[in-house]
Full PDB file with SEQRES, HELIX, SHEET, SSBOND, CRYST1, ORIGX, SCALE, CONECT and MASTER records, all heavy atoms in Angstrom:
SEQRES   1 A   37  SER CYS PRO ALA SER GLY ASN ILE PHE ARG VAL TYR THR          
SEQRES   2 A   37  MET GLY TRP TYR ARG GLN ALA PRO GLY LYS GLN ARG GLU          
SEQRES   3 A   37  LEU VAL ALA ALA ILE THR VAL GLY GLY ASN THR                  
SHEET    1 AA1 2 MET A  14  ARG A  18  0                                        
SHEET    2 AA1 2 GLU A  26  ILE A  31 -1                                        
CRYST1    1.000    1.000    1.000  90.00  90.00  90.00 P 1           1          
ORIGX1      1.000000  0.000000  0.000000        0.00000                         
ORIGX2      0.000000  1.000000  0.000000        0.00000                         
ORIGX3      0.000000  0.000000  1.000000        0.00000                         
SCALE1      1.000000  0.000000  0.000000        0.00000                         
SCALE2      0.000000  1.000000  0.000000        0.00000                         
SCALE3      0.000000  0.000000  1.000000        0.00000                         
ATOM      1  N   SER A   1      10.815   6.757   4.253  1.00  0.00           N  
ATOM      2  CA  SER A   1      10.565   6.577   2.834  1.00  0.00           C  
ATOM      3  C   SER A   1      11.240   5.302   2.365  1.00  0.00           C  
ATOM      4  O   SER A   1      12.289   4.909   2.875  1.00  0.00           O  
ATOM      5  CB  SER A   1      11.113   7.755   2.023  1.00  0.00           C  
ATOM      6  OG  SER A   1      10.500   8.964   2.393  1.00  0.00           O  
ATOM      7  N   CYS A   2      10.644   4.662   1.370  1.00  0.00           N  
ATOM      8  CA  CYS A   2      11.218   3.430   0.834  1.00  0.00           C  
ATOM      9  C   CYS A   2      10.857   3.276  -0.635  1.00  0.00           C  
ATOM     10  O   CYS A   2       9.762   2.805  -0.963  1.00  0.00           O  
ATOM     11  CB  CYS A   2      10.730   2.224   1.633  1.00  0.00           C  
ATOM     12  SG  CYS A   2      11.408   0.650   1.059  1.00  0.00           S  
ATOM     13  N   PRO A   3      11.745   3.668  -1.531  1.00  0.00           N  
ATOM     14  CA  PRO A   3      11.515   3.444  -2.958  1.00  0.00           C  
ATOM     15  C   PRO A   3      11.977   2.052  -3.377  1.00  0.00           C  
ATOM     16  O   PRO A   3      12.998   1.559  -2.906  1.00  0.00           O  
ATOM     17  CB  PRO A   3      12.360   4.530  -3.613  1.00  0.00           C  
ATOM     18  CG  PRO A   3      13.492   4.734  -2.666  1.00  0.00           C  
ATOM     19  CD  PRO A   3      12.926   4.497  -1.283  1.00  0.00           C  
ATOM     20  N   ALA A   4      11.216   1.433  -4.257  1.00  0.00           N  
ATOM     21  CA  ALA A   4      11.597   0.167  -4.862  1.00  0.00           C  
ATOM     22  C   ALA A   4      12.148   0.433  -6.250  1.00  0.00           C  
ATOM     23  O   ALA A   4      11.609   1.260  -6.997  1.00  0.00           O  
ATOM     24  CB  ALA A   4      10.401  -0.780  -4.946  1.00  0.00           C  
ATOM     25  N   SER A   5      13.212  -0.259  -6.605  1.00  0.00           N  
ATOM     26  CA  SER A   5      13.818  -0.068  -7.914  1.00  0.00           C  
ATOM     27  C   SER A   5      14.348  -1.392  -8.440  1.00  0.00           C  
ATOM     28  O   SER A   5      14.544  -2.342  -7.685  1.00  0.00           O  
ATOM     29  CB  SER A   5      14.954   0.961  -7.848  1.00  0.00           C  
ATOM     30  OG  SER A   5      15.986   0.520  -6.983  1.00  0.00           O  
ATOM     31  N   GLY A   6      14.584  -1.446  -9.747  1.00  0.00           N  
ATOM     32  CA  GLY A   6      15.130  -2.639 -10.363  1.00  0.00           C  
ATOM     33  C   GLY A   6      14.201  -3.237 -11.393  1.00  0.00           C  
ATOM     34  O   GLY A   6      13.477  -2.534 -12.085  1.00  0.00           O  
ATOM     35  N   ASN A   7      14.225  -4.559 -11.485  1.00  0.00           N  
ATOM     36  CA  ASN A   7      13.450  -5.279 -12.488  1.00  0.00           C  
ATOM     37  C   ASN A   7      12.009  -5.458 -12.026  1.00  0.00           C  
ATOM     38  O   ASN A   7      11.578  -6.552 -11.662  1.00  0.00           O  
ATOM     39  CB  ASN A   7      14.099  -6.624 -12.782  1.00  0.00           C  
ATOM     40  CG  ASN A   7      15.522  -6.494 -13.290  1.00  0.00           C  
ATOM     41  OD1 ASN A   7      16.463  -6.966 -12.652  1.00  0.00           O  
ATOM     42  ND2 ASN A   7      15.680  -5.838 -14.425  1.00  0.00           N  
ATOM     43  N   ILE A   8      11.274  -4.364 -12.058  1.00  0.00           N  
ATOM     44  CA  ILE A   8       9.914  -4.328 -11.537  1.00  0.00           C  
ATOM     45  C   ILE A   8       8.905  -4.284 -12.670  1.00  0.00           C  
ATOM     46  O   ILE A   8       8.968  -3.400 -13.525  1.00  0.00           O  
ATOM     47  CB  ILE A   8       9.710  -3.115 -10.620  1.00  0.00           C  
ATOM     48  CG1 ILE A   8      10.631  -3.214  -9.404  1.00  0.00           C  
ATOM     49  CG2 ILE A   8       8.248  -3.016 -10.191  1.00  0.00           C  
ATOM     50  CD1 ILE A   8      10.645  -1.969  -8.561  1.00  0.00           C  
ATOM     51  N   PHE A   9       7.988  -5.231 -12.655  1.00  0.00           N  
ATOM     52  CA  PHE A   9       6.866  -5.199 -13.572  1.00  0.00           C  
ATOM     53  C   PHE A   9       5.658  -4.534 -12.919  1.00  0.00           C  
ATOM     54  O   PHE A   9       5.003  -3.690 -13.526  1.00  0.00           O  
ATOM     55  CB  PHE A   9       6.504  -6.603 -14.055  1.00  0.00           C  
ATOM     56  CG  PHE A   9       5.320  -6.623 -14.983  1.00  0.00           C  
ATOM     57  CD1 PHE A   9       5.455  -6.230 -16.298  1.00  0.00           C  
ATOM     58  CD2 PHE A   9       4.066  -7.025 -14.544  1.00  0.00           C  
ATOM     59  CE1 PHE A   9       4.372  -6.242 -17.167  1.00  0.00           C  
ATOM     60  CE2 PHE A   9       2.981  -7.041 -15.394  1.00  0.00           C  
ATOM     61  CZ  PHE A   9       3.134  -6.647 -16.714  1.00  0.00           C  
ATOM     62  N   ARG A  10       5.394  -4.929 -11.674  1.00  0.00           N  
ATOM     63  CA  ARG A  10       4.267  -4.361 -10.955  1.00  0.00           C  
ATOM     64  C   ARG A  10       4.497  -4.506  -9.455  1.00  0.00           C  
ATOM     65  O   ARG A  10       5.001  -5.517  -8.993  1.00  0.00           O  
ATOM     66  CB  ARG A  10       2.962  -5.053 -11.353  1.00  0.00           C  
ATOM     67  CG  ARG A  10       1.710  -4.450 -10.748  1.00  0.00           C  
ATOM     68  CD  ARG A  10       0.470  -5.045 -11.372  1.00  0.00           C  
ATOM     69  NE  ARG A  10      -0.746  -4.575 -10.752  1.00  0.00           N  
ATOM     70  CZ  ARG A  10      -1.352  -3.436 -11.042  1.00  0.00           C  
ATOM     71  NH1 ARG A  10      -0.840  -2.635 -11.982  1.00  0.00           N  
ATOM     72  NH2 ARG A  10      -2.464  -3.089 -10.424  1.00  0.00           N  
ATOM     73  N   VAL A  11       4.111  -3.476  -8.703  1.00  0.00           N  
ATOM     74  CA  VAL A  11       4.218  -3.482  -7.257  1.00  0.00           C  
ATOM     75  C   VAL A  11       2.820  -3.616  -6.656  1.00  0.00           C  
ATOM     76  O   VAL A  11       1.924  -2.841  -7.008  1.00  0.00           O  
ATOM     77  CB  VAL A  11       4.893  -2.205  -6.727  1.00  0.00           C  
ATOM     78  CG1 VAL A  11       4.994  -2.244  -5.211  1.00  0.00           C  
ATOM     79  CG2 VAL A  11       6.263  -2.029  -7.354  1.00  0.00           C  
ATOM     80  N   TYR A  12       2.664  -4.563  -5.769  1.00  0.00           N  
ATOM     81  CA  TYR A  12       1.376  -4.769  -5.114  1.00  0.00           C  
ATOM     82  C   TYR A  12       1.431  -4.190  -3.699  1.00  0.00           C  
ATOM     83  O   TYR A  12       1.743  -3.018  -3.530  1.00  0.00           O  
ATOM     84  CB  TYR A  12       1.010  -6.249  -5.150  1.00  0.00           C  
ATOM     85  CG  TYR A  12       0.821  -6.762  -6.569  1.00  0.00           C  
ATOM     86  CD1 TYR A  12       1.870  -7.348  -7.270  1.00  0.00           C  
ATOM     87  CD2 TYR A  12      -0.395  -6.619  -7.219  1.00  0.00           C  
ATOM     88  CE1 TYR A  12       1.702  -7.788  -8.573  1.00  0.00           C  
ATOM     89  CE2 TYR A  12      -0.575  -7.056  -8.520  1.00  0.00           C  
ATOM     90  CZ  TYR A  12       0.476  -7.642  -9.196  1.00  0.00           C  
ATOM     91  OH  TYR A  12       0.302  -8.074 -10.494  1.00  0.00           O  
ATOM     92  N   THR A  13       1.122  -4.987  -2.698  1.00  0.00           N  
ATOM     93  CA  THR A  13       1.108  -4.482  -1.334  1.00  0.00           C  
ATOM     94  C   THR A  13       2.505  -4.030  -0.889  1.00  0.00           C  
ATOM     95  O   THR A  13       3.498  -4.705  -1.159  1.00  0.00           O  
ATOM     96  CB  THR A  13       0.571  -5.542  -0.368  1.00  0.00           C  
ATOM     97  OG1 THR A  13      -0.785  -5.843  -0.709  1.00  0.00           O  
ATOM     98  CG2 THR A  13       0.612  -5.054   1.074  1.00  0.00           C  
ATOM     99  N   MET A  14       2.565  -2.897  -0.207  1.00  0.00           N  
ATOM    100  CA  MET A  14       3.783  -2.394   0.402  1.00  0.00           C  
ATOM    101  C   MET A  14       3.492  -2.128   1.871  1.00  0.00           C  
ATOM    102  O   MET A  14       2.335  -1.931   2.264  1.00  0.00           O  
ATOM    103  CB  MET A  14       4.260  -1.117  -0.278  1.00  0.00           C  
ATOM    104  CG  MET A  14       4.432  -1.231  -1.783  1.00  0.00           C  
ATOM    105  SD  MET A  14       5.106   0.271  -2.542  1.00  0.00           S  
ATOM    106  CE  MET A  14       6.856   0.060  -2.171  1.00  0.00           C  
ATOM    107  N   GLY A  15       4.542  -2.119   2.680  1.00  0.00           N  
ATOM    108  CA  GLY A  15       4.299  -1.870   4.085  1.00  0.00           C  
ATOM    109  C   GLY A  15       5.557  -1.762   4.909  1.00  0.00           C  
ATOM    110  O   GLY A  15       6.674  -1.726   4.382  1.00  0.00           O  
ATOM    111  N   TRP A  16       5.333  -1.701   6.220  1.00  0.00           N  
ATOM    112  CA  TRP A  16       6.411  -1.536   7.185  1.00  0.00           C  
ATOM    113  C   TRP A  16       6.257  -2.507   8.338  1.00  0.00           C  
ATOM    114  O   TRP A  16       5.162  -2.672   8.879  1.00  0.00           O  
ATOM    115  CB  TRP A  16       6.413  -0.110   7.751  1.00  0.00           C  
ATOM    116  CG  TRP A  16       6.676   0.943   6.733  1.00  0.00           C  
ATOM    117  CD1 TRP A  16       5.767   1.601   5.967  1.00  0.00           C  
ATOM    118  CD2 TRP A  16       7.955   1.461   6.358  1.00  0.00           C  
ATOM    119  NE1 TRP A  16       6.382   2.499   5.136  1.00  0.00           N  
ATOM    120  CE2 TRP A  16       7.736   2.434   5.361  1.00  0.00           C  
ATOM    121  CE3 TRP A  16       9.258   1.198   6.763  1.00  0.00           C  
ATOM    122  CZ2 TRP A  16       8.777   3.151   4.770  1.00  0.00           C  
ATOM    123  CZ3 TRP A  16      10.293   1.896   6.176  1.00  0.00           C  
ATOM    124  CH2 TRP A  16      10.047   2.858   5.200  1.00  0.00           C  
ATOM    125  N   TYR A  17       7.358  -3.149   8.700  1.00  0.00           N  
ATOM    126  CA  TYR A  17       7.477  -3.949   9.902  1.00  0.00           C  
ATOM    127  C   TYR A  17       8.500  -3.291  10.815  1.00  0.00           C  
ATOM    128  O   TYR A  17       9.302  -2.468  10.368  1.00  0.00           O  
ATOM    129  CB  TYR A  17       7.933  -5.368   9.582  1.00  0.00           C  
ATOM    130  CG  TYR A  17       6.854  -6.298   9.081  1.00  0.00           C  
ATOM    131  CD1 TYR A  17       6.391  -6.223   7.774  1.00  0.00           C  
ATOM    132  CD2 TYR A  17       6.311  -7.271   9.916  1.00  0.00           C  
ATOM    133  CE1 TYR A  17       5.413  -7.080   7.308  1.00  0.00           C  
ATOM    134  CE2 TYR A  17       5.338  -8.138   9.455  1.00  0.00           C  
ATOM    135  CZ  TYR A  17       4.894  -8.039   8.155  1.00  0.00           C  
ATOM    136  OH  TYR A  17       3.921  -8.907   7.702  1.00  0.00           O  
ATOM    137  N   ARG A  18       8.482  -3.668  12.079  1.00  0.00           N  
ATOM    138  CA  ARG A  18       9.512  -3.195  12.988  1.00  0.00           C  
ATOM    139  C   ARG A  18       9.875  -4.303  13.966  1.00  0.00           C  
ATOM    140  O   ARG A  18       9.071  -5.191  14.255  1.00  0.00           O  
ATOM    141  CB  ARG A  18       9.067  -1.947  13.751  1.00  0.00           C  
ATOM    142  CG  ARG A  18       7.946  -2.172  14.754  1.00  0.00           C  
ATOM    143  CD  ARG A  18       7.515  -0.848  15.371  1.00  0.00           C  
ATOM    144  NE  ARG A  18       6.457  -1.024  16.359  1.00  0.00           N  
ATOM    145  CZ  ARG A  18       5.818  -0.022  16.947  1.00  0.00           C  
ATOM    146  NH1 ARG A  18       6.124   1.240  16.650  1.00  0.00           N  
ATOM    147  NH2 ARG A  18       4.868  -0.291  17.844  1.00  0.00           N  
ATOM    148  N   GLN A  19      11.101  -4.227  14.471  1.00  0.00           N  
ATOM    149  CA  GLN A  19      11.567  -5.200  15.439  1.00  0.00           C  
ATOM    150  C   GLN A  19      12.464  -4.511  16.459  1.00  0.00           C  
ATOM    151  O   GLN A  19      13.473  -3.907  16.105  1.00  0.00           O  
ATOM    152  CB  GLN A  19      12.326  -6.337  14.767  1.00  0.00           C  
ATOM    153  CG  GLN A  19      12.700  -7.465  15.712  1.00  0.00           C  
ATOM    154  CD  GLN A  19      13.161  -8.711  14.985  1.00  0.00           C  
ATOM    155  OE1 GLN A  19      13.671  -8.638  13.866  1.00  0.00           O  
ATOM    156  NE2 GLN A  19      12.979  -9.858  15.605  1.00  0.00           N  
ATOM    157  N   ALA A  20      12.079  -4.604  17.715  1.00  0.00           N  
ATOM    158  CA  ALA A  20      12.871  -4.083  18.813  1.00  0.00           C  
ATOM    159  C   ALA A  20      13.723  -5.210  19.388  1.00  0.00           C  
ATOM    160  O   ALA A  20      13.369  -6.385  19.278  1.00  0.00           O  
ATOM    161  CB  ALA A  20      11.969  -3.494  19.892  1.00  0.00           C  
ATOM    162  N   PRO A  21      14.853  -4.875  20.016  1.00  0.00           N  
ATOM    163  CA  PRO A  21      15.705  -5.908  20.607  1.00  0.00           C  
ATOM    164  C   PRO A  21      14.940  -6.783  21.594  1.00  0.00           C  
ATOM    165  O   PRO A  21      14.233  -6.274  22.468  1.00  0.00           O  
ATOM    166  CB  PRO A  21      16.792  -5.105  21.314  1.00  0.00           C  
ATOM    167  CG  PRO A  21      16.862  -3.829  20.557  1.00  0.00           C  
ATOM    168  CD  PRO A  21      15.438  -3.536  20.164  1.00  0.00           C  
ATOM    169  N   GLY A  22      15.063  -8.093  21.429  1.00  0.00           N  
ATOM    170  CA  GLY A  22      14.404  -9.023  22.319  1.00  0.00           C  
ATOM    171  C   GLY A  22      12.921  -9.210  22.081  1.00  0.00           C  
ATOM    172  O   GLY A  22      12.269  -9.911  22.862  1.00  0.00           O  
ATOM    173  N   LYS A  23      12.381  -8.604  21.042  1.00  0.00           N  
ATOM    174  CA  LYS A  23      10.962  -8.710  20.758  1.00  0.00           C  
ATOM    175  C   LYS A  23      10.738  -9.276  19.360  1.00  0.00           C  
ATOM    176  O   LYS A  23      11.624  -9.269  18.515  1.00  0.00           O  
ATOM    177  CB  LYS A  23      10.279  -7.347  20.878  1.00  0.00           C  
ATOM    178  CG  LYS A  23      10.362  -6.719  22.255  1.00  0.00           C  
ATOM    179  CD  LYS A  23       9.563  -5.442  22.334  1.00  0.00           C  
ATOM    180  CE  LYS A  23       8.077  -5.706  22.194  1.00  0.00           C  
ATOM    181  NZ  LYS A  23       7.275  -4.457  22.358  1.00  0.00           N  
ATOM    182  N   GLN A  24       9.526  -9.772  19.139  1.00  0.00           N  
ATOM    183  CA  GLN A  24       9.166 -10.310  17.843  1.00  0.00           C  
ATOM    184  C   GLN A  24       8.959  -9.184  16.834  1.00  0.00           C  
ATOM    185  O   GLN A  24       8.566  -8.078  17.182  1.00  0.00           O  
ATOM    186  CB  GLN A  24       7.878 -11.137  17.939  1.00  0.00           C  
ATOM    187  CG  GLN A  24       7.976 -12.371  18.814  1.00  0.00           C  
ATOM    188  CD  GLN A  24       6.665 -13.114  18.891  1.00  0.00           C  
ATOM    189  OE1 GLN A  24       6.222 -13.505  19.956  1.00  0.00           O  
ATOM    190  NE2 GLN A  24       6.027 -13.329  17.750  1.00  0.00           N  
ATOM    191  N   ARG A  25       9.225  -9.499  15.576  1.00  0.00           N  
ATOM    192  CA  ARG A  25       8.932  -8.554  14.520  1.00  0.00           C  
ATOM    193  C   ARG A  25       7.427  -8.429  14.361  1.00  0.00           C  
ATOM    194  O   ARG A  25       6.705  -9.436  14.394  1.00  0.00           O  
ATOM    195  CB  ARG A  25       9.565  -9.015  13.203  1.00  0.00           C  
ATOM    196  CG  ARG A  25       9.396  -8.030  12.068  1.00  0.00           C  
ATOM    197  CD  ARG A  25      10.199  -8.441  10.847  1.00  0.00           C  
ATOM    198  NE  ARG A  25       9.788  -9.724  10.313  1.00  0.00           N  
ATOM    199  CZ  ARG A  25      10.313 -10.292   9.241  1.00  0.00           C  
ATOM    200  NH1 ARG A  25      11.289  -9.661   8.581  1.00  0.00           N  
ATOM    201  NH2 ARG A  25       9.885 -11.467   8.827  1.00  0.00           N  
ATOM    202  N   GLU A  26       6.951  -7.211  14.188  1.00  0.00           N  
ATOM    203  CA  GLU A  26       5.527  -6.982  14.078  1.00  0.00           C  
ATOM    204  C   GLU A  26       5.206  -6.099  12.887  1.00  0.00           C  
ATOM    205  O   GLU A  26       5.992  -5.234  12.499  1.00  0.00           O  
ATOM    206  CB  GLU A  26       4.983  -6.335  15.356  1.00  0.00           C  
ATOM    207  CG  GLU A  26       5.516  -4.937  15.632  1.00  0.00           C  
ATOM    208  CD  GLU A  26       4.838  -4.265  16.811  1.00  0.00           C  
ATOM    209  OE1 GLU A  26       3.789  -4.757  17.273  1.00  0.00           O  
ATOM    210  OE2 GLU A  26       5.359  -3.229  17.273  1.00  0.00           O  
ATOM    211  N   LEU A  27       4.039  -6.330  12.337  1.00  0.00           N  
ATOM    212  CA  LEU A  27       3.551  -5.480  11.259  1.00  0.00           C  
ATOM    213  C   LEU A  27       3.124  -4.142  11.838  1.00  0.00           C  
ATOM    214  O   LEU A  27       2.343  -4.086  12.787  1.00  0.00           O  
ATOM    215  CB  LEU A  27       2.374  -6.138  10.545  1.00  0.00           C  
ATOM    216  CG  LEU A  27       1.695  -5.294   9.463  1.00  0.00           C  
ATOM    217  CD1 LEU A  27       2.629  -5.082   8.279  1.00  0.00           C  
ATOM    218  CD2 LEU A  27       0.397  -5.951   9.010  1.00  0.00           C  
ATOM    219  N   VAL A  28       3.624  -3.070  11.254  1.00  0.00           N  
ATOM    220  CA  VAL A  28       3.249  -1.725  11.657  1.00  0.00           C  
ATOM    221  C   VAL A  28       2.096  -1.218  10.806  1.00  0.00           C  
ATOM    222  O   VAL A  28       1.082  -0.740  11.321  1.00  0.00           O  
ATOM    223  CB  VAL A  28       4.440  -0.758  11.555  1.00  0.00           C  
ATOM    224  CG1 VAL A  28       4.019   0.664  11.918  1.00  0.00           C  
ATOM    225  CG2 VAL A  28       5.579  -1.228  12.456  1.00  0.00           C  
ATOM    226  N   ALA A  29       2.257  -1.304   9.503  1.00  0.00           N  
ATOM    227  CA  ALA A  29       1.235  -0.817   8.588  1.00  0.00           C  
ATOM    228  C   ALA A  29       1.458  -1.415   7.214  1.00  0.00           C  
ATOM    229  O   ALA A  29       2.584  -1.745   6.839  1.00  0.00           O  
ATOM    230  CB  ALA A  29       1.257   0.715   8.499  1.00  0.00           C  
ATOM    231  N   ALA A  30       0.381  -1.547   6.458  1.00  0.00           N  
ATOM    232  CA  ALA A  30       0.457  -2.045   5.095  1.00  0.00           C  
ATOM    233  C   ALA A  30      -0.545  -1.297   4.241  1.00  0.00           C  
ATOM    234  O   ALA A  30      -1.564  -0.808   4.738  1.00  0.00           O  
ATOM    235  CB  ALA A  30       0.181  -3.546   5.042  1.00  0.00           C  
ATOM    236  N   ILE A  31      -0.255  -1.226   2.954  1.00  0.00           N  
ATOM    237  CA  ILE A  31      -1.137  -0.530   2.028  1.00  0.00           C  
ATOM    238  C   ILE A  31      -1.154  -1.262   0.694  1.00  0.00           C  
ATOM    239  O   ILE A  31      -0.110  -1.642   0.165  1.00  0.00           O  
ATOM    240  CB  ILE A  31      -0.699   0.949   1.859  1.00  0.00           C  
ATOM    241  CG1 ILE A  31      -1.669   1.708   0.954  1.00  0.00           C  
ATOM    242  CG2 ILE A  31       0.731   1.047   1.353  1.00  0.00           C  
ATOM    243  CD1 ILE A  31      -1.454   3.216   0.981  1.00  0.00           C  
ATOM    244  N   THR A  32      -2.340  -1.485   0.166  1.00  0.00           N  
ATOM    245  CA  THR A  32      -2.475  -2.157  -1.115  1.00  0.00           C  
ATOM    246  C   THR A  32      -2.295  -1.161  -2.252  1.00  0.00           C  
ATOM    247  O   THR A  32      -2.267   0.050  -2.050  1.00  0.00           O  
ATOM    248  CB  THR A  32      -3.845  -2.828  -1.244  1.00  0.00           C  
ATOM    249  OG1 THR A  32      -4.863  -1.817  -1.328  1.00  0.00           O  
ATOM    250  CG2 THR A  32      -4.123  -3.733  -0.055  1.00  0.00           C  
ATOM    251  N   VAL A  33      -2.187  -1.689  -3.462  1.00  0.00           N  
ATOM    252  CA  VAL A  33      -2.019  -0.819  -4.619  1.00  0.00           C  
ATOM    253  C   VAL A  33      -3.231   0.086  -4.791  1.00  0.00           C  
ATOM    254  O   VAL A  33      -3.111   1.199  -5.323  1.00  0.00           O  
ATOM    255  CB  VAL A  33      -1.749  -1.649  -5.895  1.00  0.00           C  
ATOM    256  CG1 VAL A  33      -2.983  -2.471  -6.280  1.00  0.00           C  
ATOM    257  CG2 VAL A  33      -1.327  -0.759  -7.050  1.00  0.00           C  
ATOM    258  N   GLY A  34      -4.388  -0.362  -4.324  1.00  0.00           N  
ATOM    259  CA  GLY A  34      -5.593   0.435  -4.400  1.00  0.00           C  
ATOM    260  C   GLY A  34      -5.765   1.431  -3.274  1.00  0.00           C  
ATOM    261  O   GLY A  34      -6.733   2.200  -3.278  1.00  0.00           O  
ATOM    262  N   GLY A  35      -4.866   1.409  -2.289  1.00  0.00           N  
ATOM    263  CA  GLY A  35      -4.914   2.377  -1.211  1.00  0.00           C  
ATOM    264  C   GLY A  35      -5.561   1.905   0.078  1.00  0.00           C  
ATOM    265  O   GLY A  35      -5.692   2.690   1.018  1.00  0.00           O  
ATOM    266  N   ASN A  36      -5.976   0.646   0.155  1.00  0.00           N  
ATOM    267  CA  ASN A  36      -6.501   0.117   1.408  1.00  0.00           C  
ATOM    268  C   ASN A  36      -5.371  -0.049   2.412  1.00  0.00           C  
ATOM    269  O   ASN A  36      -4.286  -0.519   2.059  1.00  0.00           O  
ATOM    270  CB  ASN A  36      -7.202  -1.215   1.187  1.00  0.00           C  
ATOM    271  CG  ASN A  36      -8.450  -1.069   0.351  1.00  0.00           C  
ATOM    272  OD1 ASN A  36      -9.209  -0.116   0.511  1.00  0.00           O  
ATOM    273  ND2 ASN A  36      -8.676  -2.016  -0.544  1.00  0.00           N  
ATOM    274  N   THR A  37      -5.612   0.310   3.674  1.00  0.00           N  
ATOM    275  CA  THR A  37      -4.567   0.300   4.687  1.00  0.00           C  
ATOM    276  C   THR A  37      -4.926  -0.576   5.871  1.00  0.00           C  
ATOM    277  O   THR A  37      -6.098  -0.845   6.147  1.00  0.00           O  
ATOM    278  CB  THR A  37      -4.276   1.719   5.195  1.00  0.00           C  
ATOM    279  OG1 THR A  37      -5.470   2.276   5.761  1.00  0.00           O  
ATOM    280  CG2 THR A  37      -3.789   2.605   4.066  1.00  0.00           C  
TER     281      THR A  37                                                      
MASTER        0    0    0    0    2    0    0    6  280    1    0    3          
END                                                                             
């Protein structure tokens, strides 16, 4: 889970990246405000 808080007017795309030791960071998943994944 990942809640965003603070001085927020609007949140657009949200998502998850991951990085294993010795490897490049990669996109795991993303979701738009409209629900496209």
